[in-house]
mmCIF file of all heavy atoms, coordinates in Angstrom:
data_MODEL
# 
_entry.id   MODEL 
# 
loop_
_atom_site.group_PDB 
_atom_site.id 
_atom_site.type_symbol 
_atom_site.label_atom_id 
_atom_site.label_alt_id 
_atom_site.label_comp_id 
_atom_site.label_asym_id 
_atom_site.label_entity_id 
_atom_site.label_seq_id 
_atom_site.pdbx_PDB_ins_code 
_atom_site.Cartn_x 
_atom_site.Cartn_y 
_atom_site.Cartn_z 
_atom_site.occupancy 
_atom_site.B_iso_or_equiv 
_atom_site.pdbx_formal_charge 
_atom_site.auth_seq_id 
_atom_site.auth_comp_id 
_atom_site.auth_asym_id 
_atom_site.auth_atom_id 
_atom_site.pdbx_PDB_model_num 
ATOM 1   N N   . ASP A 1 1  ? 31.570  5.259   -9.479  1.00 0.00 ? 1  ASP A N   1 
ATOM 2   C CA  . ASP A 1 1  ? 31.335  3.856   -9.785  1.00 0.00 ? 1  ASP A CA  1 
ATOM 3   C C   . ASP A 1 1  ? 30.044  3.844   -10.710 1.00 0.00 ? 1  ASP A C   1 
ATOM 4   O O   . ASP A 1 1  ? 29.631  4.900   -11.238 1.00 0.00 ? 1  ASP A O   1 
ATOM 5   C CB  . ASP A 1 1  ? 31.014  3.107   -8.542  1.00 0.00 ? 1  ASP A CB  1 
ATOM 6   C CG  . ASP A 1 1  ? 32.282  3.013   -7.627  1.00 0.00 ? 1  ASP A CG  1 
ATOM 7   O OD1 . ASP A 1 1  ? 33.390  3.012   -8.237  1.00 0.00 ? 1  ASP A OD1 1 
ATOM 8   O OD2 . ASP A 1 1  ? 32.236  2.906   -6.474  1.00 0.00 ? 1  ASP A OD2 1 
ATOM 9   N N   . CYS A 1 2  ? 29.669  2.689   -10.988 1.00 0.00 ? 2  CYS A N   1 
ATOM 10  C CA  . CYS A 1 2  ? 28.389  2.414   -11.873 1.00 0.00 ? 2  CYS A CA  1 
ATOM 11  C C   . CYS A 1 2  ? 27.312  3.369   -11.334 1.00 0.00 ? 2  CYS A C   1 
ATOM 12  O O   . CYS A 1 2  ? 26.930  3.228   -10.146 1.00 0.00 ? 2  CYS A O   1 
ATOM 13  C CB  . CYS A 1 2  ? 28.011  1.029   -11.942 1.00 0.00 ? 2  CYS A CB  1 
ATOM 14  S SG  . CYS A 1 2  ? 26.762  0.724   -13.264 1.00 0.00 ? 2  CYS A SG  1 
ATOM 15  N N   . THR A 1 3  ? 26.767  4.321   -12.092 1.00 0.00 ? 3  THR A N   1 
ATOM 16  C CA  . THR A 1 3  ? 25.823  5.268   -11.748 1.00 0.00 ? 3  THR A CA  1 
ATOM 17  C C   . THR A 1 3  ? 24.479  5.269   -12.528 1.00 0.00 ? 3  THR A C   1 
ATOM 18  O O   . THR A 1 3  ? 24.664  5.078   -13.826 1.00 0.00 ? 3  THR A O   1 
ATOM 19  C CB  . THR A 1 3  ? 26.403  6.729   -11.769 1.00 0.00 ? 3  THR A CB  1 
ATOM 20  O OG1 . THR A 1 3  ? 27.629  6.622   -10.957 1.00 0.00 ? 3  THR A OG1 1 
ATOM 21  C CG2 . THR A 1 3  ? 25.444  7.746   -11.224 1.00 0.00 ? 3  THR A CG2 1 
ATOM 22  N N   . TYR A 1 4  ? 23.402  5.407   -11.918 1.00 0.00 ? 4  TYR A N   1 
ATOM 23  C CA  . TYR A 1 4  ? 22.143  5.407   -12.552 1.00 0.00 ? 4  TYR A CA  1 
ATOM 24  C C   . TYR A 1 4  ? 21.340  6.635   -12.297 1.00 0.00 ? 4  TYR A C   1 
ATOM 25  O O   . TYR A 1 4  ? 21.454  7.258   -11.305 1.00 0.00 ? 4  TYR A O   1 
ATOM 26  C CB  . TYR A 1 4  ? 21.213  4.202   -12.169 1.00 0.00 ? 4  TYR A CB  1 
ATOM 27  C CG  . TYR A 1 4  ? 22.029  2.895   -12.215 1.00 0.00 ? 4  TYR A CG  1 
ATOM 28  C CD1 . TYR A 1 4  ? 22.718  2.287   -11.098 1.00 0.00 ? 4  TYR A CD1 1 
ATOM 29  C CD2 . TYR A 1 4  ? 22.139  2.174   -13.367 1.00 0.00 ? 4  TYR A CD2 1 
ATOM 30  C CE1 . TYR A 1 4  ? 23.308  1.198   -11.176 1.00 0.00 ? 4  TYR A CE1 1 
ATOM 31  C CE2 . TYR A 1 4  ? 22.741  0.968   -13.493 1.00 0.00 ? 4  TYR A CE2 1 
ATOM 32  C CZ  . TYR A 1 4  ? 23.359  0.454   -12.409 1.00 0.00 ? 4  TYR A CZ  1 
ATOM 33  O OH  . TYR A 1 4  ? 24.146  -0.740  -12.482 1.00 0.00 ? 4  TYR A OH  1 
ATOM 34  N N   . LEU A 1 5  ? 20.693  7.085   -13.429 1.00 0.00 ? 5  LEU A N   1 
ATOM 35  C CA  . LEU A 1 5  ? 20.070  8.461   -13.400 1.00 0.00 ? 5  LEU A CA  1 
ATOM 36  C C   . LEU A 1 5  ? 18.671  8.305   -13.896 1.00 0.00 ? 5  LEU A C   1 
ATOM 37  O O   . LEU A 1 5  ? 18.265  7.446   -14.650 1.00 0.00 ? 5  LEU A O   1 
ATOM 38  C CB  . LEU A 1 5  ? 20.718  9.468   -14.335 1.00 0.00 ? 5  LEU A CB  1 
ATOM 39  C CG  . LEU A 1 5  ? 22.285  9.727   -14.171 1.00 0.00 ? 5  LEU A CG  1 
ATOM 40  C CD1 . LEU A 1 5  ? 22.911  10.455  -15.261 1.00 0.00 ? 5  LEU A CD1 1 
ATOM 41  C CD2 . LEU A 1 5  ? 22.546  10.434  -12.844 1.00 0.00 ? 5  LEU A CD2 1 
ATOM 42  N N   . CYS A 1 6  ? 17.853  9.215   -13.294 1.00 0.00 ? 6  CYS A N   1 
ATOM 43  C CA  . CYS A 1 6  ? 16.401  9.160   -13.673 1.00 0.00 ? 6  CYS A CA  1 
ATOM 44  C C   . CYS A 1 6  ? 15.820  10.576  -13.463 1.00 0.00 ? 6  CYS A C   1 
ATOM 45  O O   . CYS A 1 6  ? 16.131  11.288  -12.449 1.00 0.00 ? 6  CYS A O   1 
ATOM 46  C CB  . CYS A 1 6  ? 15.507  8.195   -12.854 1.00 0.00 ? 6  CYS A CB  1 
ATOM 47  S SG  . CYS A 1 6  ? 13.719  8.281   -13.173 1.00 0.00 ? 6  CYS A SG  1 
ATOM 48  N N   . GLU A 1 7  ? 15.001  11.135  -14.463 1.00 0.00 ? 7  GLU A N   1 
ATOM 49  C CA  . GLU A 1 7  ? 14.554  12.461  -14.417 1.00 0.00 ? 7  GLU A CA  1 
ATOM 50  C C   . GLU A 1 7  ? 13.007  12.353  -14.832 1.00 0.00 ? 7  GLU A C   1 
ATOM 51  O O   . GLU A 1 7  ? 12.782  11.832  -15.943 1.00 0.00 ? 7  GLU A O   1 
ATOM 52  C CB  . GLU A 1 7  ? 15.224  13.471  -15.244 1.00 0.00 ? 7  GLU A CB  1 
ATOM 53  C CG  . GLU A 1 7  ? 14.861  14.926  -14.997 1.00 0.00 ? 7  GLU A CG  1 
ATOM 54  C CD  . GLU A 1 7  ? 15.722  15.854  -15.698 1.00 0.00 ? 7  GLU A CD  1 
ATOM 55  O OE1 . GLU A 1 7  ? 16.182  15.599  -16.822 1.00 0.00 ? 7  GLU A OE1 1 
ATOM 56  O OE2 . GLU A 1 7  ? 16.101  16.932  -15.153 1.00 0.00 ? 7  GLU A OE2 1 
ATOM 57  N N   . ILE A 1 8  ? 12.098  12.782  -13.923 1.00 0.00 ? 8  ILE A N   1 
ATOM 58  C CA  . ILE A 1 8  ? 10.639  12.692  -14.150 1.00 0.00 ? 8  ILE A CA  1 
ATOM 59  C C   . ILE A 1 8  ? 10.023  14.115  -14.195 1.00 0.00 ? 8  ILE A C   1 
ATOM 60  O O   . ILE A 1 8  ? 10.342  14.944  -13.441 1.00 0.00 ? 8  ILE A O   1 
ATOM 61  C CB  . ILE A 1 8  ? 10.029  11.833  -12.924 1.00 0.00 ? 8  ILE A CB  1 
ATOM 62  C CG1 . ILE A 1 8  ? 10.746  10.525  -13.012 1.00 0.00 ? 8  ILE A CG1 1 
ATOM 63  C CG2 . ILE A 1 8  ? 8.503   11.747  -13.163 1.00 0.00 ? 8  ILE A CG2 1 
ATOM 64  C CD1 . ILE A 1 8  ? 10.564  9.644   -14.058 1.00 0.00 ? 8  ILE A CD1 1 
ATOM 65  N N   . SER A 1 9  ? 9.059   14.191  -15.024 1.00 0.00 ? 9  SER A N   1 
ATOM 66  C CA  . SER A 1 9  ? 8.281   15.473  -15.152 1.00 0.00 ? 9  SER A CA  1 
ATOM 67  C C   . SER A 1 9  ? 7.181   15.419  -14.080 1.00 0.00 ? 9  SER A C   1 
ATOM 68  O O   . SER A 1 9  ? 6.402   14.544  -14.056 1.00 0.00 ? 9  SER A O   1 
ATOM 69  C CB  . SER A 1 9  ? 7.697   15.693  -16.540 1.00 0.00 ? 9  SER A CB  1 
ATOM 70  O OG  . SER A 1 9  ? 6.778   16.733  -16.550 1.00 0.00 ? 9  SER A OG  1 
ATOM 71  N N   . LEU A 1 10 ? 7.207   16.378  -13.125 1.00 0.00 ? 10 LEU A N   1 
ATOM 72  C CA  . LEU A 1 10 ? 6.216   16.392  -12.147 1.00 0.00 ? 10 LEU A CA  1 
ATOM 73  C C   . LEU A 1 10 ? 4.813   16.754  -12.705 1.00 0.00 ? 10 LEU A C   1 
ATOM 74  O O   . LEU A 1 10 ? 3.831   16.427  -12.067 1.00 0.00 ? 10 LEU A O   1 
ATOM 75  C CB  . LEU A 1 10 ? 6.539   17.508  -11.063 1.00 0.00 ? 10 LEU A CB  1 
ATOM 76  C CG  . LEU A 1 10 ? 7.634   17.064  -9.939  1.00 0.00 ? 10 LEU A CG  1 
ATOM 77  C CD1 . LEU A 1 10 ? 7.625   18.125  -8.874  1.00 0.00 ? 10 LEU A CD1 1 
ATOM 78  C CD2 . LEU A 1 10 ? 7.269   15.711  -9.398  1.00 0.00 ? 10 LEU A CD2 1 
ATOM 79  N N   . ASP A 1 11 ? 4.764   17.518  -13.725 1.00 0.00 ? 11 ASP A N   1 
ATOM 80  C CA  . ASP A 1 11 ? 3.451   17.863  -14.381 1.00 0.00 ? 11 ASP A CA  1 
ATOM 81  C C   . ASP A 1 11 ? 2.820   16.664  -14.925 1.00 0.00 ? 11 ASP A C   1 
ATOM 82  O O   . ASP A 1 11 ? 1.576   16.673  -14.999 1.00 0.00 ? 11 ASP A O   1 
ATOM 83  C CB  . ASP A 1 11 ? 3.668   18.835  -15.436 1.00 0.00 ? 11 ASP A CB  1 
ATOM 84  C CG  . ASP A 1 11 ? 4.267   20.195  -15.048 1.00 0.00 ? 11 ASP A CG  1 
ATOM 85  O OD1 . ASP A 1 11 ? 4.178   20.511  -13.882 1.00 0.00 ? 11 ASP A OD1 1 
ATOM 86  O OD2 . ASP A 1 11 ? 4.968   20.812  -15.874 1.00 0.00 ? 11 ASP A OD2 1 
ATOM 87  N N   . SER A 1 12 ? 3.483   15.535  -15.210 1.00 0.00 ? 12 SER A N   1 
ATOM 88  C CA  . SER A 1 12 ? 2.900   14.313  -15.699 1.00 0.00 ? 12 SER A CA  1 
ATOM 89  C C   . SER A 1 12 ? 2.426   13.398  -14.573 1.00 0.00 ? 12 SER A C   1 
ATOM 90  O O   . SER A 1 12 ? 1.704   12.500  -14.720 1.00 0.00 ? 12 SER A O   1 
ATOM 91  C CB  . SER A 1 12 ? 3.879   13.531  -16.558 1.00 0.00 ? 12 SER A CB  1 
ATOM 92  O OG  . SER A 1 12 ? 4.293   14.419  -17.640 1.00 0.00 ? 12 SER A OG  1 
ATOM 93  N N   . LEU A 1 13 ? 3.010   13.598  -13.327 1.00 0.00 ? 13 LEU A N   1 
ATOM 94  C CA  . LEU A 1 13 ? 2.517   12.756  -12.237 1.00 0.00 ? 13 LEU A CA  1 
ATOM 95  C C   . LEU A 1 13 ? 1.169   13.309  -11.774 1.00 0.00 ? 13 LEU A C   1 
ATOM 96  O O   . LEU A 1 13 ? 0.958   14.412  -11.602 1.00 0.00 ? 13 LEU A O   1 
ATOM 97  C CB  . LEU A 1 13 ? 3.631   12.819  -11.110 1.00 0.00 ? 13 LEU A CB  1 
ATOM 98  C CG  . LEU A 1 13 ? 4.954   12.152  -11.402 1.00 0.00 ? 13 LEU A CG  1 
ATOM 99  C CD1 . LEU A 1 13 ? 5.885   12.387  -10.232 1.00 0.00 ? 13 LEU A CD1 1 
ATOM 100 C CD2 . LEU A 1 13 ? 4.845   10.668  -11.795 1.00 0.00 ? 13 LEU A CD2 1 
ATOM 101 N N   . LYS A 1 14 ? 0.434   12.268  -11.272 1.00 0.00 ? 14 LYS A N   1 
ATOM 102 C CA  . LYS A 1 14 ? -0.983  12.720  -10.741 1.00 0.00 ? 14 LYS A CA  1 
ATOM 103 C C   . LYS A 1 14 ? -1.091  12.102  -9.416  1.00 0.00 ? 14 LYS A C   1 
ATOM 104 O O   . LYS A 1 14 ? -0.613  11.004  -9.152  1.00 0.00 ? 14 LYS A O   1 
ATOM 105 C CB  . LYS A 1 14 ? -2.049  12.183  -11.712 1.00 0.00 ? 14 LYS A CB  1 
ATOM 106 C CG  . LYS A 1 14 ? -2.029  12.598  -13.082 1.00 0.00 ? 14 LYS A CG  1 
ATOM 107 C CD  . LYS A 1 14 ? -2.259  14.136  -13.249 1.00 0.00 ? 14 LYS A CD  1 
ATOM 108 C CE  . LYS A 1 14 ? -2.218  14.652  -14.598 1.00 0.00 ? 14 LYS A CE  1 
ATOM 109 N NZ  . LYS A 1 14 ? -2.458  16.008  -14.712 1.00 0.00 ? 14 LYS A NZ  1 
ATOM 110 N N   . LYS A 1 15 ? -1.609  12.884  -8.479  1.00 0.00 ? 15 LYS A N   1 
ATOM 111 C CA  . LYS A 1 15 ? -1.875  12.495  -7.154  1.00 0.00 ? 15 LYS A CA  1 
ATOM 112 C C   . LYS A 1 15 ? -3.327  11.781  -7.151  1.00 0.00 ? 15 LYS A C   1 
ATOM 113 O O   . LYS A 1 15 ? -4.277  12.402  -6.770  1.00 0.00 ? 15 LYS A O   1 
ATOM 114 C CB  . LYS A 1 15 ? -1.883  13.675  -6.098  1.00 0.00 ? 15 LYS A CB  1 
ATOM 115 C CG  . LYS A 1 15 ? -1.986  13.221  -4.781  1.00 0.00 ? 15 LYS A CG  1 
ATOM 116 C CD  . LYS A 1 15 ? -1.907  14.516  -3.842  1.00 0.00 ? 15 LYS A CD  1 
ATOM 117 C CE  . LYS A 1 15 ? -2.050  14.046  -2.365  1.00 0.00 ? 15 LYS A CE  1 
ATOM 118 N NZ  . LYS A 1 15 ? -2.044  15.143  -1.480  1.00 0.00 ? 15 LYS A NZ  1 
ATOM 119 N N   . ALA A 1 16 ? -3.269  10.589  -7.506  1.00 0.00 ? 16 ALA A N   1 
ATOM 120 C CA  . ALA A 1 16 ? -4.480  9.807   -7.545  1.00 0.00 ? 16 ALA A CA  1 
ATOM 121 C C   . ALA A 1 16 ? -4.977  9.300   -6.151  1.00 0.00 ? 16 ALA A C   1 
ATOM 122 O O   . ALA A 1 16 ? -4.087  8.918   -5.348  1.00 0.00 ? 16 ALA A O   1 
ATOM 123 C CB  . ALA A 1 16 ? -4.380  8.674   -8.493  1.00 0.00 ? 16 ALA A CB  1 
ATOM 124 N N   . LEU A 1 17 ? -6.173  9.263   -5.854  1.00 0.00 ? 17 LEU A N   1 
ATOM 125 C CA  . LEU A 1 17 ? -6.697  8.661   -4.698  1.00 0.00 ? 17 LEU A CA  1 
ATOM 126 C C   . LEU A 1 17 ? -6.706  7.098   -4.764  1.00 0.00 ? 17 LEU A C   1 
ATOM 127 O O   . LEU A 1 17 ? -6.809  6.603   -5.795  1.00 0.00 ? 17 LEU A O   1 
ATOM 128 C CB  . LEU A 1 17 ? -8.082  9.105   -4.408  1.00 0.00 ? 17 LEU A CB  1 
ATOM 129 C CG  . LEU A 1 17 ? -8.347  10.591  -4.178  1.00 0.00 ? 17 LEU A CG  1 
ATOM 130 C CD1 . LEU A 1 17 ? -9.807  10.979  -4.088  1.00 0.00 ? 17 LEU A CD1 1 
ATOM 131 C CD2 . LEU A 1 17 ? -7.640  11.134  -2.930  1.00 0.00 ? 17 LEU A CD2 1 
ATOM 132 N N   . PRO A 1 18 ? -6.365  6.516   -3.609  1.00 0.00 ? 18 PRO A N   1 
ATOM 133 C CA  . PRO A 1 18 ? -6.377  5.136   -3.599  1.00 0.00 ? 18 PRO A CA  1 
ATOM 134 C C   . PRO A 1 18 ? -7.755  4.393   -4.055  1.00 0.00 ? 18 PRO A C   1 
ATOM 135 O O   . PRO A 1 18 ? -8.800  4.945   -3.686  1.00 0.00 ? 18 PRO A O   1 
ATOM 136 C CB  . PRO A 1 18 ? -6.080  4.678   -2.047  1.00 0.00 ? 18 PRO A CB  1 
ATOM 137 C CG  . PRO A 1 18 ? -5.476  5.936   -1.548  1.00 0.00 ? 18 PRO A CG  1 
ATOM 138 C CD  . PRO A 1 18 ? -6.060  7.059   -2.309  1.00 0.00 ? 18 PRO A CD  1 
ATOM 139 N N   . LYS A 1 19 ? -7.713  3.360   -4.792  1.00 0.00 ? 19 LYS A N   1 
ATOM 140 C CA  . LYS A 1 19 ? -8.834  2.777   -5.306  1.00 0.00 ? 19 LYS A CA  1 
ATOM 141 C C   . LYS A 1 19 ? -8.946  1.351   -4.701  1.00 0.00 ? 19 LYS A C   1 
ATOM 142 O O   . LYS A 1 19 ? -8.034  0.696   -4.745  1.00 0.00 ? 19 LYS A O   1 
ATOM 143 C CB  . LYS A 1 19 ? -8.853  2.720   -6.865  1.00 0.00 ? 19 LYS A CB  1 
ATOM 144 C CG  . LYS A 1 19 ? -8.975  4.019   -7.518  1.00 0.00 ? 19 LYS A CG  1 
ATOM 145 C CD  . LYS A 1 19 ? -8.979  3.849   -8.951  1.00 0.00 ? 19 LYS A CD  1 
ATOM 146 C CE  . LYS A 1 19 ? -9.180  5.268   -9.694  1.00 0.00 ? 19 LYS A CE  1 
ATOM 147 N NZ  . LYS A 1 19 ? -9.208  5.046   -11.185 1.00 0.00 ? 19 LYS A NZ  1 
ATOM 148 N N   . ALA A 1 20 ? -10.045 1.077   -4.091  1.00 0.00 ? 20 ALA A N   1 
ATOM 149 C CA  . ALA A 1 20 ? -10.264 -0.300  -3.568  1.00 0.00 ? 20 ALA A CA  1 
ATOM 150 C C   . ALA A 1 20 ? -10.495 -1.350  -4.673  1.00 0.00 ? 20 ALA A C   1 
ATOM 151 O O   . ALA A 1 20 ? -11.156 -1.044  -5.694  1.00 0.00 ? 20 ALA A O   1 
ATOM 152 C CB  . ALA A 1 20 ? -11.533 -0.274  -2.595  1.00 0.00 ? 20 ALA A CB  1 
ATOM 153 N N   . LYS A 1 21 ? -9.860  -2.481  -4.499  1.00 0.00 ? 21 LYS A N   1 
ATOM 154 C CA  . LYS A 1 21 ? -9.999  -3.598  -5.395  1.00 0.00 ? 21 LYS A CA  1 
ATOM 155 C C   . LYS A 1 21 ? -10.750 -4.747  -4.847  1.00 0.00 ? 21 LYS A C   1 
ATOM 156 O O   . LYS A 1 21 ? -10.634 -4.948  -3.577  1.00 0.00 ? 21 LYS A O   1 
ATOM 157 C CB  . LYS A 1 21 ? -8.681  -3.982  -5.915  1.00 0.00 ? 21 LYS A CB  1 
ATOM 158 C CG  . LYS A 1 21 ? -7.928  -2.932  -6.626  1.00 0.00 ? 21 LYS A CG  1 
ATOM 159 C CD  . LYS A 1 21 ? -6.587  -3.455  -7.207  1.00 0.00 ? 21 LYS A CD  1 
ATOM 160 C CE  . LYS A 1 21 ? -5.868  -2.479  -7.954  1.00 0.00 ? 21 LYS A CE  1 
ATOM 161 N NZ  . LYS A 1 21 ? -4.541  -2.988  -8.461  1.00 0.00 ? 21 LYS A NZ  1 
ATOM 162 N N   . THR A 1 22 ? -11.435 -5.465  -5.557  1.00 0.00 ? 22 THR A N   1 
ATOM 163 C CA  . THR A 1 22 ? -12.154 -6.649  -5.043  1.00 0.00 ? 22 THR A CA  1 
ATOM 164 C C   . THR A 1 22 ? -11.150 -7.704  -4.669  1.00 0.00 ? 22 THR A C   1 
ATOM 165 O O   . THR A 1 22 ? -10.055 -7.854  -5.343  1.00 0.00 ? 22 THR A O   1 
ATOM 166 C CB  . THR A 1 22 ? -13.130 -7.229  -6.039  1.00 0.00 ? 22 THR A CB  1 
ATOM 167 O OG1 . THR A 1 22 ? -12.428 -7.552  -7.299  1.00 0.00 ? 22 THR A OG1 1 
ATOM 168 C CG2 . THR A 1 22 ? -14.176 -6.118  -6.425  1.00 0.00 ? 22 THR A CG2 1 
ATOM 169 N N   . TYR A 1 23 ? -11.440 -8.407  -3.588  1.00 0.00 ? 23 TYR A N   1 
ATOM 170 C CA  . TYR A 1 23 ? -10.571 -9.542  -3.134  1.00 0.00 ? 23 TYR A CA  1 
ATOM 171 C C   . TYR A 1 23 ? -11.250 -10.786 -3.187  1.00 0.00 ? 23 TYR A C   1 
ATOM 172 O O   . TYR A 1 23 ? -12.300 -10.969 -2.613  1.00 0.00 ? 23 TYR A O   1 
ATOM 173 C CB  . TYR A 1 23 ? -10.119 -9.102  -1.713  1.00 0.00 ? 23 TYR A CB  1 
ATOM 174 C CG  . TYR A 1 23 ? -9.241  -10.223 -1.124  1.00 0.00 ? 23 TYR A CG  1 
ATOM 175 C CD1 . TYR A 1 23 ? -7.865  -10.224 -1.420  1.00 0.00 ? 23 TYR A CD1 1 
ATOM 176 C CD2 . TYR A 1 23 ? -9.736  -11.261 -0.255  1.00 0.00 ? 23 TYR A CD2 1 
ATOM 177 C CE1 . TYR A 1 23 ? -6.999  -11.123 -0.859  1.00 0.00 ? 23 TYR A CE1 1 
ATOM 178 C CE2 . TYR A 1 23 ? -8.878  -12.183 0.217   1.00 0.00 ? 23 TYR A CE2 1 
ATOM 179 C CZ  . TYR A 1 23 ? -7.554  -12.135 -0.081  1.00 0.00 ? 23 TYR A CZ  1 
ATOM 180 O OH  . TYR A 1 23 ? -6.626  -13.063 0.510   1.00 0.00 ? 23 TYR A OH  1 
ATOM 181 N N   . SER A 1 24 ? -10.677 -11.689 -3.908  1.00 0.00 ? 24 SER A N   1 
ATOM 182 C CA  . SER A 1 24 ? -11.183 -13.044 -4.035  1.00 0.00 ? 24 SER A CA  1 
ATOM 183 C C   . SER A 1 24 ? -10.972 -13.965 -2.852  1.00 0.00 ? 24 SER A C   1 
ATOM 184 O O   . SER A 1 24 ? -9.769  -13.990 -2.299  1.00 0.00 ? 24 SER A O   1 
ATOM 185 C CB  . SER A 1 24 ? -10.725 -13.743 -5.342  1.00 0.00 ? 24 SER A CB  1 
ATOM 186 O OG  . SER A 1 24 ? -11.326 -15.000 -5.438  1.00 0.00 ? 24 SER A OG  1 
# 
């Protein structure tokens, strides 16, 4: 049936630490 594909380079992904944002 209708099929969707995605391929991602792991070298481009970064394991960033969560950043706190100001809350209004």
